[in-house]
Amino acid sequence: MSKPPKLNLASIVAAAVPPAKPAPPAKPMQTAEIVQLDVGPASLRRPAPATLKQRARQMSVYLEPPVYDQLRDIAHAERTKMHGLMLEALDLLFKQRGARSIDHLNEPGSR
Protein backbone atom coordinates (compact mmCIF):
# COMPACT_ATOMS: atom_id res chain seq x y z
CA MET A 1 0.00 0.00 0.00
CA SER A 2 1.51 3.32 -1.03
CA LYS A 3 1.39 6.55 0.92
CA PRO A 4 -1.11 9.21 -0.13
CA PRO A 5 0.52 12.22 -1.76
CA LYS A 6 1.53 15.07 0.56
CA LEU A 7 -0.72 18.06 0.37
CA ASN A 8 0.58 21.57 0.26
CA LEU A 9 -1.23 24.73 1.36
CA ALA A 10 -1.93 25.88 -2.19
CA SER A 11 -3.75 22.67 -3.08
CA ILE A 12 -5.80 22.74 0.14
CA VAL A 13 -6.86 26.35 -0.46
CA ALA A 14 -7.65 25.68 -4.11
CA ALA A 15 -9.87 22.74 -3.13
CA ALA A 16 -11.67 24.74 -0.44
CA VAL A 17 -12.57 27.72 -2.65
CA PRO A 18 -15.72 27.04 -4.68
CA PRO A 19 -15.64 28.02 -8.33
CA ALA A 20 -16.77 31.58 -9.00
CA LYS A 21 -20.43 31.96 -9.99
CA PRO A 22 -21.44 34.32 -12.76
CA ALA A 23 -22.76 37.65 -11.47
CA PRO A 24 -26.56 37.95 -11.44
CA PRO A 25 -28.14 40.61 -13.63
CA ALA A 26 -28.05 44.09 -12.11
CA LYS A 27 -31.12 44.95 -10.02
CA PRO A 28 -32.42 48.48 -9.61
CA MET A 29 -31.18 50.24 -6.45
CA GLN A 30 -33.57 50.06 -3.53
CA THR A 31 -33.86 52.91 -1.08
CA ALA A 32 -33.48 52.19 2.60
CA GLU A 33 -36.04 53.20 5.18
CA ILE A 34 -34.80 54.54 8.50
CA VAL A 35 -36.52 52.80 11.39
CA GLN A 36 -36.36 53.97 15.02
CA LEU A 37 -36.15 51.15 17.53
CA ASP A 38 -37.97 51.40 20.83
CA VAL A 39 -35.35 50.39 23.38
CA GLY A 40 -37.59 50.91 26.38
CA PRO A 41 -36.84 52.81 29.59
CA ALA A 42 -33.28 53.77 30.46
CA SER A 43 -33.09 51.19 33.24
CA LEU A 44 -33.70 48.38 30.74
CA ARG A 45 -31.14 49.55 28.19
CA ARG A 46 -27.96 48.74 30.06
CA PRO A 47 -28.06 46.64 33.22
CA ALA A 48 -25.60 47.58 35.94
CA PRO A 49 -22.44 45.45 35.93
CA ALA A 50 -22.67 42.63 38.45
CA THR A 51 -19.17 42.28 39.87
CA LEU A 52 -16.96 44.80 41.61
CA LYS A 53 -14.35 44.37 38.90
CA GLN A 54 -16.92 45.38 36.27
CA ARG A 55 -18.27 48.33 38.31
CA ALA A 56 -15.11 49.79 39.80
CA ARG A 57 -12.04 51.53 38.49
CA GLN A 58 -8.64 50.10 39.22
CA MET A 59 -5.94 52.16 40.90
CA SER A 60 -2.37 51.15 41.66
CA VAL A 61 -0.80 51.93 45.01
CA TYR A 62 2.95 51.73 45.48
CA LEU A 63 3.91 50.81 49.04
CA GLU A 64 7.35 50.50 50.55
CA PRO A 65 8.09 46.89 51.51
CA PRO A 66 7.78 47.46 55.30
CA VAL A 67 4.41 49.21 54.82
CA TYR A 68 3.16 46.42 52.56
CA ASP A 69 4.37 43.75 54.99
CA GLN A 70 2.65 45.44 57.93
CA LEU A 71 -0.61 45.76 56.00
CA ARG A 72 -0.39 42.10 54.97
CA ASP A 73 0.33 41.05 58.58
CA ILE A 74 -2.69 43.00 59.89
CA ALA A 75 -4.92 41.46 57.22
CA HIS A 76 -3.64 38.00 58.13
CA ALA A 77 -4.13 38.56 61.87
CA GLU A 78 -7.68 39.83 61.32
CA ARG A 79 -8.40 37.13 58.71
CA THR A 80 -9.50 39.74 56.19
CA LYS A 81 -8.28 41.02 52.86
CA MET A 82 -5.87 43.87 52.30
CA HIS A 83 -8.42 45.47 49.98
CA GLY A 84 -10.93 45.79 52.82
CA LEU A 85 -8.31 47.41 55.03
CA MET A 86 -7.47 49.89 52.26
CA LEU A 87 -11.16 50.80 51.94
CA GLU A 88 -11.38 51.23 55.70
CA ALA A 89 -8.36 53.56 55.59
CA LEU A 90 -9.96 55.60 52.79
CA ASP A 91 -13.19 55.85 54.77
CA LEU A 92 -11.25 57.20 57.77
CA LEU A 93 -9.51 59.71 55.50
CA PHE A 94 -12.85 60.86 54.08
CA LYS A 95 -14.22 61.26 57.61
CA GLN A 96 -11.19 63.34 58.70
CA ARG A 97 -11.58 65.60 55.68
CA GLY A 98 -15.35 66.03 56.10
CA ALA A 99 -16.18 64.16 52.89
CA ARG A 100 -18.97 61.63 52.40
CA SER A 101 -18.34 58.04 53.47
CA ILE A 102 -17.95 55.16 51.04
CA ASP A 103 -21.35 53.74 52.09
CA HIS A 104 -23.01 57.10 51.38
CA LEU A 105 -21.27 57.37 47.99
CA ASN A 106 -22.42 53.86 47.01
CA GLU A 107 -26.12 54.54 47.74
CA PRO A 108 -28.25 54.63 44.59
CA GLY A 109 -28.83 58.17 43.37
CA SER A 110 -26.17 59.74 45.61
CA ARG A 111 -24.07 61.06 42.74
C-alpha atoms as a PDB file:
ATOM      1  CA  MET A   1       0.000   0.000   0.000  1.00  0.00           C
ATOM      2  CA  SER A   2       1.515   3.320  -1.029  1.00  0.00           C
ATOM      3  CA  LYS A   3       1.388   6.549   0.924  1.00  0.00           C
ATOM      4  CA  PRO A   4      -1.108   9.212  -0.128  1.00  0.00           C
ATOM      5  CA  PRO A   5       0.522  12.217  -1.765  1.00  0.00           C
ATOM      6  CA  LYS A   6       1.535  15.072   0.560  1.00  0.00           C
ATOM      7  CA  LEU A   7      -0.717  18.064   0.369  1.00  0.00           C
ATOM      8  CA  ASN A   8       0.576  21.575   0.256  1.00  0.00           C
ATOM      9  CA  LEU A   9      -1.231  24.732   1.359  1.00  0.00           C
ATOM     10  CA  ALA A  10      -1.933  25.882  -2.189  1.00  0.00           C
ATOM     11  CA  SER A  11      -3.752  22.671  -3.081  1.00  0.00           C
ATOM     12  CA  ILE A  12      -5.801  22.740   0.136  1.00  0.00           C
ATOM     13  CA  VAL A  13      -6.861  26.351  -0.455  1.00  0.00           C
ATOM     14  CA  ALA A  14      -7.647  25.676  -4.105  1.00  0.00           C
ATOM     15  CA  ALA A  15      -9.868  22.738  -3.132  1.00  0.00           C
ATOM     16  CA  ALA A  16     -11.667  24.738  -0.437  1.00  0.00           C
ATOM     17  CA  VAL A  17     -12.566  27.721  -2.647  1.00  0.00           C
ATOM     18  CA  PRO A  18     -15.719  27.038  -4.684  1.00  0.00           C
ATOM     19  CA  PRO A  19     -15.635  28.023  -8.330  1.00  0.00           C
ATOM     20  CA  ALA A  20     -16.772  31.576  -9.004  1.00  0.00           C
ATOM     21  CA  LYS A  21     -20.432  31.956  -9.989  1.00  0.00           C
ATOM     22  CA  PRO A  22     -21.437  34.317 -12.757  1.00  0.00           C
ATOM     23  CA  ALA A  23     -22.757  37.645 -11.472  1.00  0.00           C
ATOM     24  CA  PRO A  24     -26.564  37.953 -11.442  1.00  0.00           C
ATOM     25  CA  PRO A  25     -28.139  40.613 -13.633  1.00  0.00           C
ATOM     26  CA  ALA A  26     -28.051  44.094 -12.110  1.00  0.00           C
ATOM     27  CA  LYS A  27     -31.125  44.954 -10.017  1.00  0.00           C
ATOM     28  CA  PRO A  28     -32.424  48.485  -9.606  1.00  0.00           C
ATOM     29  CA  MET A  29     -31.176  50.237  -6.448  1.00  0.00           C
ATOM     30  CA  GLN A  30     -33.573  50.058  -3.527  1.00  0.00           C
ATOM     31  CA  THR A  31     -33.863  52.914  -1.079  1.00  0.00           C
ATOM     32  CA  ALA A  32     -33.483  52.186   2.603  1.00  0.00           C
ATOM     33  CA  GLU A  33     -36.036  53.203   5.179  1.00  0.00           C
ATOM     34  CA  ILE A  34     -34.800  54.537   8.502  1.00  0.00           C
ATOM     35  CA  VAL A  35     -36.516  52.798  11.393  1.00  0.00           C
ATOM     36  CA  GLN A  36     -36.358  53.969  15.021  1.00  0.00           C
ATOM     37  CA  LEU A  37     -36.150  51.148  17.529  1.00  0.00           C
ATOM     38  CA  ASP A  38     -37.968  51.398  20.830  1.00  0.00           C
ATOM     39  CA  VAL A  39     -35.346  50.388  23.379  1.00  0.00           C
ATOM     40  CA  GLY A  40     -37.590  50.912  26.385  1.00  0.00           C
ATOM     41  CA  PRO A  41     -36.840  52.807  29.591  1.00  0.00           C
ATOM     42  CA  ALA A  42     -33.278  53.765  30.460  1.00  0.00           C
ATOM     43  CA  SER A  43     -33.088  51.189  33.243  1.00  0.00           C
ATOM     44  CA  LEU A  44     -33.701  48.376  30.738  1.00  0.00           C
ATOM     45  CA  ARG A  45     -31.136  49.552  28.191  1.00  0.00           C
ATOM     46  CA  ARG A  46     -27.959  48.737  30.065  1.00  0.00           C
ATOM     47  CA  PRO A  47     -28.058  46.642  33.220  1.00  0.00           C
ATOM     48  CA  ALA A  48     -25.599  47.582  35.939  1.00  0.00           C
ATOM     49  CA  PRO A  49     -22.444  45.447  35.934  1.00  0.00           C
ATOM     50  CA  ALA A  50     -22.675  42.635  38.450  1.00  0.00           C
ATOM     51  CA  THR A  51     -19.168  42.283  39.865  1.00  0.00           C
ATOM     52  CA  LEU A  52     -16.957  44.804  41.607  1.00  0.00           C
ATOM     53  CA  LYS A  53     -14.346  44.365  38.899  1.00  0.00           C
ATOM     54  CA  GLN A  54     -16.918  45.384  36.275  1.00  0.00           C
ATOM     55  CA  ARG A  55     -18.270  48.334  38.310  1.00  0.00           C
ATOM     56  CA  ALA A  56     -15.110  49.788  39.798  1.00  0.00           C
ATOM     57  CA  ARG A  57     -12.036  51.526  38.491  1.00  0.00           C
ATOM     58  CA  GLN A  58      -8.640  50.099  39.223  1.00  0.00           C
ATOM     59  CA  MET A  59      -5.939  52.158  40.900  1.00  0.00           C
ATOM     60  CA  SER A  60      -2.368  51.146  41.660  1.00  0.00           C
ATOM     61  CA  VAL A  61      -0.800  51.932  45.011  1.00  0.00           C
ATOM     62  CA  TYR A  62       2.948  51.730  45.480  1.00  0.00           C
ATOM     63  CA  LEU A  63       3.912  50.810  49.041  1.00  0.00           C
ATOM     64  CA  GLU A  64       7.349  50.505  50.548  1.00  0.00           C
ATOM     65  CA  PRO A  65       8.086  46.887  51.512  1.00  0.00           C
ATOM     66  CA  PRO A  66       7.777  47.457  55.301  1.00  0.00           C
ATOM     67  CA  VAL A  67       4.411  49.214  54.816  1.00  0.00           C
ATOM     68  CA  TYR A  68       3.164  46.417  52.558  1.00  0.00           C
ATOM     69  CA  ASP A  69       4.365  43.747  54.987  1.00  0.00           C
ATOM     70  CA  GLN A  70       2.648  45.436  57.932  1.00  0.00           C
ATOM     71  CA  LEU A  71      -0.614  45.755  55.998  1.00  0.00           C
ATOM     72  CA  ARG A  72      -0.390  42.103  54.974  1.00  0.00           C
ATOM     73  CA  ASP A  73       0.329  41.049  58.579  1.00  0.00           C
ATOM     74  CA  ILE A  74      -2.693  42.996  59.886  1.00  0.00           C
ATOM     75  CA  ALA A  75      -4.915  41.459  57.217  1.00  0.00           C
ATOM     76  CA  HIS A  76      -3.637  37.996  58.127  1.00  0.00           C
ATOM     77  CA  ALA A  77      -4.128  38.560  61.868  1.00  0.00           C
ATOM     78  CA  GLU A  78      -7.680  39.832  61.319  1.00  0.00           C
ATOM     79  CA  ARG A  79      -8.396  37.134  58.711  1.00  0.00           C
ATOM     80  CA  THR A  80      -9.499  39.742  56.192  1.00  0.00           C
ATOM     81  CA  LYS A  81      -8.285  41.023  52.859  1.00  0.00           C
ATOM     82  CA  MET A  82      -5.873  43.875  52.301  1.00  0.00           C
ATOM     83  CA  HIS A  83      -8.425  45.471  49.976  1.00  0.00           C
ATOM     84  CA  GLY A  84     -10.928  45.786  52.823  1.00  0.00           C
ATOM     85  CA  LEU A  85      -8.312  47.415  55.029  1.00  0.00           C
ATOM     86  CA  MET A  86      -7.468  49.890  52.262  1.00  0.00           C
ATOM     87  CA  LEU A  87     -11.156  50.801  51.936  1.00  0.00           C
ATOM     88  CA  GLU A  88     -11.382  51.234  55.702  1.00  0.00           C
ATOM     89  CA  ALA A  89      -8.361  53.559  55.591  1.00  0.00           C
ATOM     90  CA  LEU A  90      -9.963  55.601  52.794  1.00  0.00           C
ATOM     91  CA  ASP A  91     -13.193  55.849  54.769  1.00  0.00           C
ATOM     92  CA  LEU A  92     -11.252  57.197  57.773  1.00  0.00           C
ATOM     93  CA  LEU A  93      -9.507  59.712  55.503  1.00  0.00           C
ATOM     94  CA  PHE A  94     -12.848  60.858  54.080  1.00  0.00           C
ATOM     95  CA  LYS A  95     -14.218  61.255  57.615  1.00  0.00           C
ATOM     96  CA  GLN A  96     -11.195  63.335  58.703  1.00  0.00           C
ATOM     97  CA  ARG A  97     -11.583  65.603  55.680  1.00  0.00           C
ATOM     98  CA  GLY A  98     -15.348  66.032  56.097  1.00  0.00           C
ATOM     99  CA  ALA A  99     -16.177  64.157  52.891  1.00  0.00           C
ATOM    100  CA  ARG A 100     -18.970  61.633  52.400  1.00  0.00           C
ATOM    101  CA  SER A 101     -18.340  58.040  53.468  1.00  0.00           C
ATOM    102  CA  ILE A 102     -17.953  55.162  51.045  1.00  0.00           C
ATOM    103  CA  ASP A 103     -21.350  53.741  52.090  1.00  0.00           C
ATOM    104  CA  HIS A 104     -23.007  57.096  51.378  1.00  0.00           C
ATOM    105  CA  LEU A 105     -21.273  57.372  47.995  1.00  0.00           C
ATOM    106  CA  ASN A 106     -22.422  53.859  47.009  1.00  0.00           C
ATOM    107  CA  GLU A 107     -26.119  54.538  47.744  1.00  0.00           C
ATOM    108  CA  PRO A 108     -28.252  54.634  44.586  1.00  0.00           C
ATOM    109  CA  GLY A 109     -28.828  58.170  43.365  1.00  0.00           C
ATOM    110  CA  SER A 110     -26.166  59.736  45.605  1.00  0.00           C
ATOM    111  CA  ARG A 111     -24.072  61.061  42.736  1.00  0.00           C
END
